[in-house]
PDB file of N, CA and C in Angstrom:
ATOM      1  N   MET A   1       6.288 -11.956  11.996  1.00  0.00           N
ATOM      2  CA  MET A   1       4.889 -11.762  12.344  1.00  0.00           C
ATOM      3  C   MET A   1       4.111 -13.006  11.957  1.00  0.00           C
ATOM      4  N   HIS A   2       3.084 -13.263  12.719  1.00  0.00           N
ATOM      5  CA  HIS A   2       2.245 -14.423  12.468  1.00  0.00           C
ATOM      6  C   HIS A   2       0.830 -14.060  12.864  1.00  0.00           C
ATOM      7  N   TYR A   3      -0.116 -14.243  11.965  1.00  0.00           N
ATOM      8  CA  TYR A   3      -1.517 -13.962  12.278  1.00  0.00           C
ATOM      9  C   TYR A   3      -2.430 -14.700  11.322  1.00  0.00           C
ATOM     10  N   LEU A   4      -3.733 -14.605  11.555  1.00  0.00           N
ATOM     11  CA  LEU A   4      -4.729 -15.225  10.681  1.00  0.00           C
ATOM     12  C   LEU A   4      -5.453 -14.140   9.899  1.00  0.00           C
ATOM     13  N   ALA A   5      -5.580 -14.345   8.605  1.00  0.00           N
ATOM     14  CA  ALA A   5      -6.275 -13.389   7.743  1.00  0.00           C
ATOM     15  C   ALA A   5      -7.685 -13.883   7.467  1.00  0.00           C
ATOM     16  N   ASP A   6      -8.603 -12.939   7.386  1.00  0.00           N
ATOM     17  CA  ASP A   6      -9.991 -13.281   7.112  1.00  0.00           C
ATOM     18  C   ASP A   6     -10.242 -13.546   5.631  1.00  0.00           C
ATOM     19  N   LYS A   7      -9.508 -12.827   4.785  1.00  0.00           N
ATOM     20  CA  LYS A   7      -9.720 -12.977   3.356  1.00  0.00           C
ATOM     21  C   LYS A   7      -8.391 -12.783   2.630  1.00  0.00           C
ATOM     22  N   VAL A   8      -8.147 -13.653   1.661  1.00  0.00           N
ATOM     23  CA  VAL A   8      -6.951 -13.545   0.827  1.00  0.00           C
ATOM     24  C   VAL A   8      -7.362 -13.811  -0.611  1.00  0.00           C
ATOM     25  N   PHE A   9      -6.814 -13.005  -1.510  1.00  0.00           N
ATOM     26  CA  PHE A   9      -7.066 -13.225  -2.931  1.00  0.00           C
ATOM     27  C   PHE A   9      -5.749 -13.071  -3.677  1.00  0.00           C
ATOM     28  N   VAL A  10      -5.399 -14.094  -4.453  1.00  0.00           N
ATOM     29  CA  VAL A  10      -4.167 -14.108  -5.230  1.00  0.00           C
ATOM     30  C   VAL A  10      -4.553 -14.229  -6.696  1.00  0.00           C
ATOM     31  N   HIS A  11      -4.022 -13.317  -7.525  1.00  0.00           N
ATOM     32  CA  HIS A  11      -4.337 -13.415  -8.956  1.00  0.00           C
ATOM     33  C   HIS A  11      -3.115 -13.102  -9.813  1.00  0.00           C
ATOM     34  N   HIS A  12      -3.188 -13.531 -11.045  1.00  0.00           N
ATOM     35  CA  HIS A  12      -2.122 -13.355 -12.039  1.00  0.00           C
ATOM     36  C   HIS A  12      -1.886 -11.867 -12.280  1.00  0.00           C
ATOM     37  N   TRP A  13      -0.606 -11.463 -12.229  1.00  0.00           N
ATOM     38  CA  TRP A  13      -0.266 -10.062 -12.465  1.00  0.00           C
ATOM     39  C   TRP A  13       1.235  -9.972 -12.658  1.00  0.00           C
ATOM     40  N   PRO A  14       1.756  -9.173 -13.500  1.00  0.00           N
ATOM     41  CA  PRO A  14       1.070  -8.295 -14.442  1.00  0.00           C
ATOM     42  C   PRO A  14       0.498  -9.075 -15.627  1.00  0.00           C
ATOM     43  N   LYS A  15      -0.348  -8.427 -16.345  1.00  0.00           N
ATOM     44  CA  LYS A  15      -1.073  -9.075 -17.446  1.00  0.00           C
ATOM     45  C   LYS A  15      -0.136  -9.678 -18.486  1.00  0.00           C
ATOM     46  N   ASP A  16       1.030  -9.069 -18.701  1.00  0.00           N
ATOM     47  CA  ASP A  16       1.937  -9.559 -19.734  1.00  0.00           C
ATOM     48  C   ASP A  16       2.921 -10.624 -19.232  1.00  0.00           C
ATOM     49  N   SER A  17       2.753 -11.108 -17.996  1.00  0.00           N
ATOM     50  CA  SER A  17       3.608 -12.174 -17.477  1.00  0.00           C
ATOM     51  C   SER A  17       3.053 -13.532 -17.932  1.00  0.00           C
ATOM     52  N   PRO A  18       3.869 -14.588 -17.843  1.00  0.00           N
ATOM     53  CA  PRO A  18       3.405 -15.913 -18.286  1.00  0.00           C
ATOM     54  C   PRO A  18       2.104 -16.325 -17.588  1.00  0.00           C
ATOM     55  N   ILE A  19       1.216 -16.917 -18.354  1.00  0.00           N
ATOM     56  CA  ILE A  19      -0.083 -17.381 -17.842  1.00  0.00           C
ATOM     57  C   ILE A  19       0.135 -18.559 -16.897  1.00  0.00           C
ATOM     58  N   TRP A  20      -0.681 -18.614 -15.842  1.00  0.00           N
ATOM     59  CA  TRP A  20      -0.601 -19.713 -14.893  1.00  0.00           C
ATOM     60  C   TRP A  20      -1.241 -20.959 -15.480  1.00  0.00           C
ATOM     61  N   SER A  21      -0.769 -22.092 -15.041  1.00  0.00           N
ATOM     62  CA  SER A  21      -1.387 -23.354 -15.456  1.00  0.00           C
ATOM     63  C   SER A  21      -2.737 -23.498 -14.753  1.00  0.00           C
ATOM     64  N   ASP A  22      -3.616 -24.274 -15.347  1.00  0.00           N
ATOM     65  CA  ASP A  22      -4.927 -24.528 -14.733  1.00  0.00           C
ATOM     66  C   ASP A  22      -4.774 -25.220 -13.382  1.00  0.00           C
ATOM     67  N   SER A  23      -3.786 -26.109 -13.269  1.00  0.00           N
ATOM     68  CA  SER A  23      -3.606 -26.825 -11.997  1.00  0.00           C
ATOM     69  C   SER A  23      -3.160 -25.874 -10.888  1.00  0.00           C
ATOM     70  N   LEU A  24      -2.294 -24.902 -11.215  1.00  0.00           N
ATOM     71  CA  LEU A  24      -1.879 -23.922 -10.208  1.00  0.00           C
ATOM     72  C   LEU A  24      -3.056 -23.051  -9.790  1.00  0.00           C
ATOM     73  N   GLN A  25      -3.830 -22.583 -10.753  1.00  0.00           N
ATOM     74  CA  GLN A  25      -5.001 -21.767 -10.428  1.00  0.00           C
ATOM     75  C   GLN A  25      -5.977 -22.540  -9.556  1.00  0.00           C
ATOM     76  N   GLN A  26      -6.193 -23.798  -9.872  1.00  0.00           N
ATOM     77  CA  GLN A  26      -7.108 -24.628  -9.080  1.00  0.00           C
ATOM     78  C   GLN A  26      -6.572 -24.824  -7.661  1.00  0.00           C
ATOM     79  N   LYS A  27      -5.268 -25.049  -7.537  1.00  0.00           N
ATOM     80  CA  LYS A  27      -4.656 -25.222  -6.214  1.00  0.00           C
ATOM     81  C   LYS A  27      -4.833 -23.955  -5.371  1.00  0.00           C
ATOM     82  N   LEU A  28      -4.630 -22.787  -5.979  1.00  0.00           N
ATOM     83  CA  LEU A  28      -4.838 -21.516  -5.275  1.00  0.00           C
ATOM     84  C   LEU A  28      -6.300 -21.316  -4.887  1.00  0.00           C
ATOM     85  N   ASP A  29      -7.196 -21.612  -5.805  1.00  0.00           N
ATOM     86  CA  ASP A  29      -8.623 -21.434  -5.529  1.00  0.00           C
ATOM     87  C   ASP A  29      -9.087 -22.307  -4.373  1.00  0.00           C
ATOM     88  N   VAL A  30      -8.645 -23.556  -4.360  1.00  0.00           N
ATOM     89  CA  VAL A  30      -9.070 -24.484  -3.304  1.00  0.00           C
ATOM     90  C   VAL A  30      -8.519 -24.079  -1.945  1.00  0.00           C
ATOM     91  N   SER A  31      -7.232 -23.736  -1.882  1.00  0.00           N
ATOM     92  CA  SER A  31      -6.647 -23.462  -0.573  1.00  0.00           C
ATOM     93  C   SER A  31      -6.723 -22.009  -0.132  1.00  0.00           C
ATOM     94  N   ILE A  32      -6.885 -21.069  -1.070  1.00  0.00           N
ATOM     95  CA  ILE A  32      -6.864 -19.657  -0.670  1.00  0.00           C
ATOM     96  C   ILE A  32      -8.064 -18.874  -1.189  1.00  0.00           C
ATOM     97  N   ASN A  33      -8.159 -18.702  -2.488  1.00  0.00           N
ATOM     98  CA  ASN A  33      -9.124 -17.764  -3.067  1.00  0.00           C
ATOM     99  C   ASN A  33     -10.586 -18.074  -2.756  1.00  0.00           C
ATOM    100  N   LYS A  34     -10.963 -19.322  -2.842  1.00  0.00           N
ATOM    101  CA  LYS A  34     -12.375 -19.679  -2.648  1.00  0.00           C
ATOM    102  C   LYS A  34     -12.613 -20.428  -1.345  1.00  0.00           C
ATOM    103  N   ASN A  35     -11.646 -20.365  -0.463  1.00  0.00           N
ATOM    104  CA  ASN A  35     -11.742 -21.021   0.838  1.00  0.00           C
ATOM    105  C   ASN A  35     -12.109 -19.954   1.871  1.00  0.00           C
ATOM    106  N   SER A  36     -13.250 -20.105   2.519  1.00  0.00           N
ATOM    107  CA  SER A  36     -13.735 -19.084   3.452  1.00  0.00           C
ATOM    108  C   SER A  36     -13.106 -19.177   4.850  1.00  0.00           C
ATOM    109  N   ASN A  37     -12.290 -20.192   5.102  1.00  0.00           N
ATOM    110  CA  ASN A  37     -11.616 -20.297   6.396  1.00  0.00           C
ATOM    111  C   ASN A  37     -10.529 -19.238   6.518  1.00  0.00           C
ATOM    112  N   LYS A  38     -10.161 -18.907   7.751  1.00  0.00           N
ATOM    113  CA  LYS A  38      -9.052 -17.982   7.976  1.00  0.00           C
ATOM    114  C   LYS A  38      -7.768 -18.625   7.463  1.00  0.00           C
ATOM    115  N   LYS A  39      -6.879 -17.781   6.934  1.00  0.00           N
ATOM    116  CA  LYS A  39      -5.631 -18.269   6.377  1.00  0.00           C
ATOM    117  C   LYS A  39      -4.460 -17.850   7.249  1.00  0.00           C
ATOM    118  N   GLU A  40      -3.531 -18.772   7.448  1.00  0.00           N
ATOM    119  CA  GLU A  40      -2.339 -18.477   8.229  1.00  0.00           C
ATOM    120  C   GLU A  40      -1.378 -17.633   7.406  1.00  0.00           C
ATOM    121  N   ILE A  41      -0.942 -16.519   7.983  1.00  0.00           N
ATOM    122  CA  ILE A  41       0.001 -15.611   7.346  1.00  0.00           C
ATOM    123  C   ILE A  41       1.252 -15.536   8.219  1.00  0.00           C
ATOM    124  N   ILE A  42       2.409 -15.761   7.603  1.00  0.00           N
ATOM    125  CA  ILE A  42       3.683 -15.625   8.301  1.00  0.00           C
ATOM    126  C   ILE A  42       4.521 -14.650   7.484  1.00  0.00           C
ATOM    127  N   ILE A  43       4.977 -13.587   8.140  1.00  0.00           N
ATOM    128  CA  ILE A  43       5.782 -12.587   7.451  1.00  0.00           C
ATOM    129  C   ILE A  43       7.173 -12.589   8.052  1.00  0.00           C
ATOM    130  N   ASP A  44       8.135 -12.864   7.183  1.00  0.00           N
ATOM    131  CA  ASP A  44       9.536 -12.788   7.560  1.00  0.00           C
ATOM    132  C   ASP A  44      10.108 -11.556   6.874  1.00  0.00           C
ATOM    133  N   TYR A  45      11.389 -11.366   6.943  1.00  0.00           N
ATOM    134  CA  TYR A  45      11.998 -10.147   6.418  1.00  0.00           C
ATOM    135  C   TYR A  45      11.543  -9.824   4.993  1.00  0.00           C
ATOM    136  N   ASP A  46      11.715 -10.748   4.062  1.00  0.00           N
ATOM    137  CA  ASP A  46      11.381 -10.475   2.667  1.00  0.00           C
ATOM    138  C   ASP A  46      10.522 -11.559   2.025  1.00  0.00           C
ATOM    139  N   ILE A  47       9.837 -12.334   2.852  1.00  0.00           N
ATOM    140  CA  ILE A  47       8.953 -13.403   2.369  1.00  0.00           C
ATOM    141  C   ILE A  47       7.644 -13.348   3.142  1.00  0.00           C
ATOM    142  N   ILE A  48       6.553 -13.529   2.408  1.00  0.00           N
ATOM    143  CA  ILE A  48       5.241 -13.668   3.031  1.00  0.00           C
ATOM    144  C   ILE A  48       4.731 -15.054   2.681  1.00  0.00           C
ATOM    145  N   GLN A  49       4.430 -15.827   3.720  1.00  0.00           N
ATOM    146  CA  GLN A  49       3.893 -17.167   3.506  1.00  0.00           C
ATOM    147  C   GLN A  49       2.404 -17.140   3.818  1.00  0.00           C
ATOM    148  N   ILE A  50       1.605 -17.644   2.881  1.00  0.00           N
ATOM    149  CA  ILE A  50       0.159 -17.767   3.051  1.00  0.00           C
ATOM    150  C   ILE A  50      -0.163 -19.244   2.923  1.00  0.00           C
ATOM    151  N   GLU A  51      -0.596 -19.834   4.032  1.00  0.00           N
ATOM    152  CA  GLU A  51      -0.790 -21.284   4.082  1.00  0.00           C
ATOM    153  C   GLU A  51       0.522 -21.931   3.641  1.00  0.00           C
ATOM    154  N   ASN A  52       0.530 -22.721   2.567  1.00  0.00           N
ATOM    155  CA  ASN A  52       1.747 -23.406   2.126  1.00  0.00           C
ATOM    156  C   ASN A  52       2.431 -22.722   0.943  1.00  0.00           C
ATOM    157  N   PHE A  53       2.022 -21.520   0.609  1.00  0.00           N
ATOM    158  CA  PHE A  53       2.601 -20.791  -0.517  1.00  0.00           C
ATOM    159  C   PHE A  53       3.557 -19.720   0.005  1.00  0.00           C
ATOM    160  N   LYS A  54       4.789 -19.690  -0.528  1.00  0.00           N
ATOM    161  CA  LYS A  54       5.761 -18.669  -0.135  1.00  0.00           C
ATOM    162  C   LYS A  54       5.898 -17.647  -1.260  1.00  0.00           C
ATOM    163  N   PHE A  55       5.665 -16.378  -0.910  1.00  0.00           N
ATOM    164  CA  PHE A  55       5.741 -15.280  -1.861  1.00  0.00           C
ATOM    165  C   PHE A  55       7.023 -14.498  -1.584  1.00  0.00           C
ATOM    166  N   SER A  56       7.820 -14.318  -2.645  1.00  0.00           N
ATOM    167  CA  SER A  56       9.096 -13.613  -2.511  1.00  0.00           C
ATOM    168  C   SER A  56       9.171 -12.511  -3.565  1.00  0.00           C
ATOM    169  N   SER A  57      10.303 -11.854  -3.644  1.00  0.00           N
ATOM    170  CA  SER A  57      10.490 -10.728  -4.570  1.00  0.00           C
ATOM    171  C   SER A  57       9.349  -9.722  -4.418  1.00  0.00           C
ATOM    172  N   LEU A  58       9.088  -9.358  -3.175  1.00  0.00           N
ATOM    173  CA  LEU A  58       7.968  -8.465  -2.858  1.00  0.00           C
ATOM    174  C   LEU A  58       8.212  -7.075  -3.425  1.00  0.00           C
ATOM    175  N   GLN A  59       7.156  -6.490  -4.023  1.00  0.00           N
ATOM    176  CA  GLN A  59       7.224  -5.163  -4.604  1.00  0.00           C
ATOM    177  C   GLN A  59       5.899  -4.444  -4.400  1.00  0.00           C
ATOM    178  N   LYS A  60       5.937  -3.135  -4.539  1.00  0.00           N
ATOM    179  CA  LYS A  60       4.741  -2.289  -4.524  1.00  0.00           C
ATOM    180  C   LYS A  60       3.797  -2.669  -3.381  1.00  0.00           C
ATOM    181  N   ILE A  61       4.330  -2.640  -2.176  1.00  0.00           N
ATOM    182  CA  ILE A  61       3.564  -3.025  -0.994  1.00  0.00           C
ATOM    183  C   ILE A  61       2.728  -1.843  -0.517  1.00  0.00           C
ATOM    184  N   GLY A  62       1.427  -2.062  -0.385  1.00  0.00           N
ATOM    185  CA  GLY A  62       0.531  -1.054   0.149  1.00  0.00           C
ATOM    186  C   GLY A  62      -0.196  -1.607   1.367  1.00  0.00           C
ATOM    187  N   ILE A  63      -0.285  -0.800   2.416  1.00  0.00           N
ATOM    188  CA  ILE A  63      -0.952  -1.212   3.660  1.00  0.00           C
ATOM    189  C   ILE A  63      -1.930  -0.116   4.017  1.00  0.00           C
ATOM    190  N   SER A  64      -3.196  -0.476   4.242  1.00  0.00           N
ATOM    191  CA  SER A  64      -4.194   0.566   4.492  1.00  0.00           C
ATOM    192  C   SER A  64      -5.281   0.098   5.451  1.00  0.00           C
ATOM    193  N   VAL A  65      -5.978   1.088   5.996  1.00  0.00           N
ATOM    194  CA  VAL A  65      -7.196   0.867   6.767  1.00  0.00           C
ATOM    195  C   VAL A  65      -8.286   1.614   6.007  1.00  0.00           C
ATOM    196  N   PRO A  66      -9.187   0.884   5.335  1.00  0.00           N
ATOM    197  CA  PRO A  66     -10.237   1.553   4.552  1.00  0.00           C
ATOM    198  C   PRO A  66     -11.193   2.351   5.444  1.00  0.00           C
ATOM    199  N   PHE A  67     -11.699   3.456   4.903  1.00  0.00           N
ATOM    200  CA  PHE A  67     -12.681   4.251   5.628  1.00  0.00           C
ATOM    201  C   PHE A  67     -13.889   3.400   6.006  1.00  0.00           C
ATOM    202  N   PHE A  68     -14.403   3.620   7.210  1.00  0.00           N
ATOM    203  CA  PHE A  68     -15.650   3.036   7.703  1.00  0.00           C
ATOM    204  C   PHE A  68     -15.617   1.517   7.836  1.00  0.00           C
ATOM    205  N   LYS A  69     -14.434   0.922   7.855  1.00  0.00           N
ATOM    206  CA  LYS A  69     -14.319  -0.525   8.029  1.00  0.00           C
ATOM    207  C   LYS A  69     -13.343  -0.805   9.154  1.00  0.00           C
ATOM    208  N   GLU A  70     -13.626  -1.834   9.911  1.00  0.00           N
ATOM    209  CA  GLU A  70     -12.723  -2.247  10.986  1.00  0.00           C
ATOM    210  C   GLU A  70     -11.856  -3.384  10.472  1.00  0.00           C
ATOM    211  N   GLU A  71     -10.933  -3.026   9.577  1.00  0.00           N
ATOM    212  CA  GLU A  71     -10.045  -3.999   8.971  1.00  0.00           C
ATOM    213  C   GLU A  71      -8.818  -3.285   8.416  1.00  0.00           C
ATOM    214  N   CYS A  72      -7.787  -4.052   8.159  1.00  0.00           N
ATOM    215  CA  CYS A  72      -6.635  -3.519   7.441  1.00  0.00           C
ATOM    216  C   CYS A  72      -6.328  -4.462   6.289  1.00  0.00           C
ATOM    217  N   THR A  73      -5.709  -3.896   5.266  1.00  0.00           N
ATOM    218  CA  THR A  73      -5.419  -4.652   4.053  1.00  0.00           C
ATOM    219  C   THR A  73      -3.978  -4.409   3.645  1.00  0.00           C
ATOM    220  N   ILE A  74      -3.324  -5.472   3.223  1.00  0.00           N
ATOM    221  CA  ILE A  74      -2.004  -5.355   2.617  1.00  0.00           C
ATOM    222  C   ILE A  74      -2.125  -5.914   1.202  1.00  0.00           C
ATOM    223  N   ILE A  75      -1.581  -5.171   0.249  1.00  0.00           N
ATOM    224  CA  ILE A  75      -1.595  -5.569  -1.155  1.00  0.00           C
ATOM    225  C   ILE A  75      -0.159  -5.483  -1.652  1.00  0.00           C
ATOM    226  N   PHE A  76       0.252  -6.475  -2.433  1.00  0.00           N
ATOM    227  CA  PHE A  76       1.622  -6.460  -2.940  1.00  0.00           C
ATOM    228  C   PHE A  76       1.733  -7.300  -4.209  1.00  0.00           C
ATOM    229  N   GLU A  77       2.814  -7.048  -4.943  1.00  0.00           N
ATOM    230  CA  GLU A  77       3.184  -7.873  -6.083  1.00  0.00           C
ATOM    231  C   GLU A  77       4.320  -8.770  -5.634  1.00  0.00           C
ATOM    232  N   SER A  78       4.375  -9.986  -6.212  1.00  0.00           N
ATOM    233  CA  SER A  78       5.408 -10.926  -5.784  1.00  0.00           C
ATOM    234  C   SER A  78       5.574 -12.047  -6.803  1.00  0.00           C
ATOM    235  N   GLN A  79       6.458 -12.981  -6.443  1.00  0.00           N
ATOM    236  CA  GLN A  79       6.649 -14.198  -7.202  1.00  0.00           C
ATOM    237  C   GLN A  79       6.419 -15.381  -6.289  1.00  0.00           C
ATOM    238  N   PHE A  80       5.903 -16.460  -6.859  1.00  0.00           N
ATOM    239  CA  PHE A  80       5.828 -17.736  -6.156  1.00  0.00           C
ATOM    240  C   PHE A  80       5.782 -18.830  -7.209  1.00  0.00           C
ATOM    241  N   GLU A  81       6.382 -19.939  -6.904  1.00  0.00           N
ATOM    242  CA  GLU A  81       6.436 -21.075  -7.837  1.00  0.00           C
ATOM    243  C   GLU A  81       6.780 -20.630  -9.257  1.00  0.00           C
ATOM    244  N   ASN A  82       7.718 -19.718  -9.391  1.00  0.00           N
ATOM    245  CA  ASN A  82       8.197 -19.213 -10.688  1.00  0.00           C
ATOM    246  C   ASN A  82       7.146 -18.485 -11.525  1.00  0.00           C
ATOM    247  N   VAL A  83       6.131 -17.944 -10.895  1.00  0.00           N
ATOM    248  CA  VAL A  83       5.135 -17.110 -11.584  1.00  0.00           C
ATOM    249  C   VAL A  83       4.968 -15.807 -10.800  1.00  0.00           C
ATOM    250  N   PHE A  84       4.315 -14.854 -11.428  1.00  0.00           N
ATOM    251  CA  PHE A  84       4.094 -13.548 -10.814  1.00  0.00           C
ATOM    252  C   PHE A  84       2.656 -13.440 -10.325  1.00  0.00           C
ATOM    253  N   ALA A  85       2.454 -12.671  -9.242  1.00  0.00           N
ATOM    254  CA  ALA A  85       1.117 -12.565  -8.647  1.00  0.00           C
ATOM    255  C   ALA A  85       0.899 -11.201  -8.005  1.00  0.00           C
ATOM    256  N   HIS A  86      -0.358 -10.884  -7.835  1.00  0.00           N
ATOM    257  CA  HIS A  86      -0.816  -9.718  -7.079  1.00  0.00           C
ATOM    258  C   HIS A  86      -1.634 -10.297  -5.943  1.00  0.00           C
ATOM    259  N   VAL A  87      -1.339  -9.898  -4.709  1.00  0.00           N
ATOM    260  CA  VAL A  87      -1.945 -10.527  -3.530  1.00  0.00           C
ATOM    261  C   VAL A  87      -2.632  -9.474  -2.674  1.00  0.00           C
ATOM    262  N   HIS A  88      -3.852  -9.796  -2.221  1.00  0.00           N
ATOM    263  CA  HIS A  88      -4.636  -8.946  -1.325  1.00  0.00           C
ATOM    264  C   HIS A  88      -4.900  -9.754  -0.053  1.00  0.00           C
ATOM    265  N   ILE A  89      -4.530  -9.211   1.096  1.00  0.00           N
ATOM    266  CA  ILE A  89      -4.768  -9.873   2.387  1.00  0.00           C
ATOM    267  C   ILE A  89      -5.560  -8.909   3.264  1.00  0.00           C
ATOM    268  N   THR A  90      -6.681  -9.388   3.814  1.00  0.00           N
ATOM    269  CA  THR A  90      -7.537  -8.564   4.673  1.00  0.00           C
ATOM    270  C   THR A  90      -7.640  -9.189   6.061  1.00  0.00           C
ATOM    271  N   ILE A  91      -7.442  -8.340   7.072  1.00  0.00           N
ATOM    272  CA  ILE A  91      -7.523  -8.755   8.475  1.00  0.00           C
ATOM    273  C   ILE A  91      -8.621  -7.954   9.150  1.00  0.00           C
ATOM    274  N   ARG A  92      -9.565  -8.648   9.769  1.00  0.00           N
ATOM    275  CA  ARG A  92     -10.642  -7.987  10.506  1.00  0.00           C
ATOM    276  C   ARG A  92     -10.529  -8.383  11.979  1.00  0.00           C
ATOM    277  N   GLY A  93     -11.257  -7.687  12.818  1.00  0.00           N
ATOM    278  CA  GLY A  93     -11.286  -8.066  14.223  1.00  0.00           C
ATOM    279  C   GLY A  93     -10.768  -6.974  15.129  1.00  0.00           C
ATOM    280  N   ASP A  94     -10.776  -7.287  16.399  1.00  0.00           N
ATOM    281  CA  ASP A  94     -10.401  -6.314  17.422  1.00  0.00           C
ATOM    282  C   ASP A  94      -8.950  -5.857  17.326  1.00  0.00           C
ATOM    283  N   ASN A  95      -8.077  -6.679  16.769  1.00  0.00           N
ATOM    284  CA  ASN A  95      -6.650  -6.341  16.755  1.00  0.00           C
ATOM    285  C   ASN A  95      -6.159  -5.822  15.396  1.00  0.00           C
ATOM    286  N   PHE A  96      -7.064  -5.393  14.510  1.00  0.00           N
ATOM    287  CA  PHE A  96      -6.632  -4.987  13.177  1.00  0.00           C
ATOM    288  C   PHE A  96      -5.692  -3.781  13.217  1.00  0.00           C
ATOM    289  N   ILE A  97      -5.883  -2.867  14.166  1.00  0.00           N
ATOM    290  CA  ILE A  97      -4.986  -1.702  14.266  1.00  0.00           C
ATOM    291  C   ILE A  97      -3.596  -2.142  14.712  1.00  0.00           C
ATOM    292  N   ASP A  98      -3.524  -3.070  15.643  1.00  0.00           N
ATOM    293  CA  ASP A  98      -2.224  -3.594  16.075  1.00  0.00           C
ATOM    294  C   ASP A  98      -1.489  -4.252  14.909  1.00  0.00           C
ATOM    295  N   ILE A  99      -2.205  -5.054  14.137  1.00  0.00           N
ATOM    296  CA  ILE A  99      -1.594  -5.710  12.979  1.00  0.00           C
ATOM    297  C   ILE A  99      -1.180  -4.670  11.946  1.00  0.00           C
ATOM    298  N   PHE A 100      -2.007  -3.665  11.716  1.00  0.00           N
ATOM    299  CA  PHE A 100      -1.666  -2.577  10.800  1.00  0.00           C
ATOM    300  C   PHE A 100      -0.341  -1.937  11.214  1.00  0.00           C
ATOM    301  N   ASN A 101      -0.209  -1.602  12.488  1.00  0.00           N
ATOM    302  CA  ASN A 101       1.017  -0.978  12.992  1.00  0.00           C
ATOM    303  C   ASN A 101       2.229  -1.897  12.828  1.00  0.00           C
ATOM    304  N   GLN A 102       2.050  -3.197  13.075  1.00  0.00           N
ATOM    305  CA  GLN A 102       3.141  -4.152  12.890  1.00  0.00           C
ATOM    306  C   GLN A 102       3.549  -4.235  11.423  1.00  0.00           C
ATOM    307  N   LEU A 103       2.564  -4.232  10.526  1.00  0.00           N
ATOM    308  CA  LEU A 103       2.854  -4.291   9.090  1.00  0.00           C
ATOM    309  C   LEU A 103       3.616  -3.049   8.624  1.00  0.00           C
ATOM    310  N   ILE A 104       3.194  -1.884   9.086  1.00  0.00           N
ATOM    311  CA  ILE A 104       3.891  -0.648   8.731  1.00  0.00           C
ATOM    312  C   ILE A 104       5.330  -0.681   9.239  1.00  0.00           C
ATOM    313  N   SER A 105       5.521  -1.120  10.468  1.00  0.00           N
ATOM    314  CA  SER A 105       6.857  -1.223  11.048  1.00  0.00           C
ATOM    315  C   SER A 105       7.711  -2.207  10.248  1.00  0.00           C
ATOM    316  N   TRP A 106       7.165  -3.374   9.900  1.00  0.00           N
ATOM    317  CA  TRP A 106       7.886  -4.360   9.089  1.00  0.00           C
ATOM    318  C   TRP A 106       8.287  -3.767   7.749  1.00  0.00           C
ATOM    319  N   LYS A 107       7.367  -3.103   7.086  1.00  0.00           N
ATOM    320  CA  LYS A 107       7.660  -2.523   5.775  1.00  0.00           C
ATOM    321  C   LYS A 107       8.772  -1.475   5.875  1.00  0.00           C
ATOM    322  N   ASN A 108       8.709  -0.635   6.889  1.00  0.00           N
ATOM    323  CA  ASN A 108       9.727   0.400   7.066  1.00  0.00           C
ATOM    324  C   ASN A 108      11.095  -0.182   7.384  1.00  0.00           C
ATOM    325  N   LYS A 109      11.136  -1.244   8.178  1.00  0.00           N
ATOM    326  CA  LYS A 109      12.411  -1.868   8.557  1.00  0.00           C
ATOM    327  C   LYS A 109      13.020  -2.683   7.427  1.00  0.00           C
ATOM    328  N   SER A 110      12.193  -3.261   6.582  1.00  0.00           N
ATOM    329  CA  SER A 110      12.702  -4.163   5.553  1.00  0.00           C
ATOM    330  C   SER A 110      13.128  -3.451   4.279  1.00  0.00           C
ATOM    331  N   ASP A 111      12.840  -2.150   4.158  1.00  0.00           N
ATOM    332  CA  ASP A 111      13.212  -1.374   2.983  1.00  0.00           C
ATOM    333  C   ASP A 111      12.633  -1.949   1.686  1.00  0.00           C
ATOM    334  N   LEU A 112      11.466  -2.518   1.753  1.00  0.00           N
ATOM    335  CA  LEU A 112      10.829  -3.064   0.554  1.00  0.00           C
ATOM    336  C   LEU A 112      10.012  -2.008  -0.156  1.00  0.00           C
TER     337      LEU A 112
END
């Protein structure tokens, strides 16, 4: 799957995992967290790539359509660059239901 996300937020998780370096946090903030441009999302079998960051060891994947909003959200725990993270991806627009259905199908097929 390949699409553009309207909003992405990546943060340190779980709390008891090693703390991220300031340079890694700054790199994430500049390219993802505090960047208002749409972000490229590529989903393969067991990897989610957001811009130039590859997230693997995916766990606790949740996919939802919030009440009264025309958007879908995927939230998951993962690893990238040898650290742990919690990731929130939000997709808005006319095709959010199509993307939601694709995400559900991917999750069901990948056994994650």
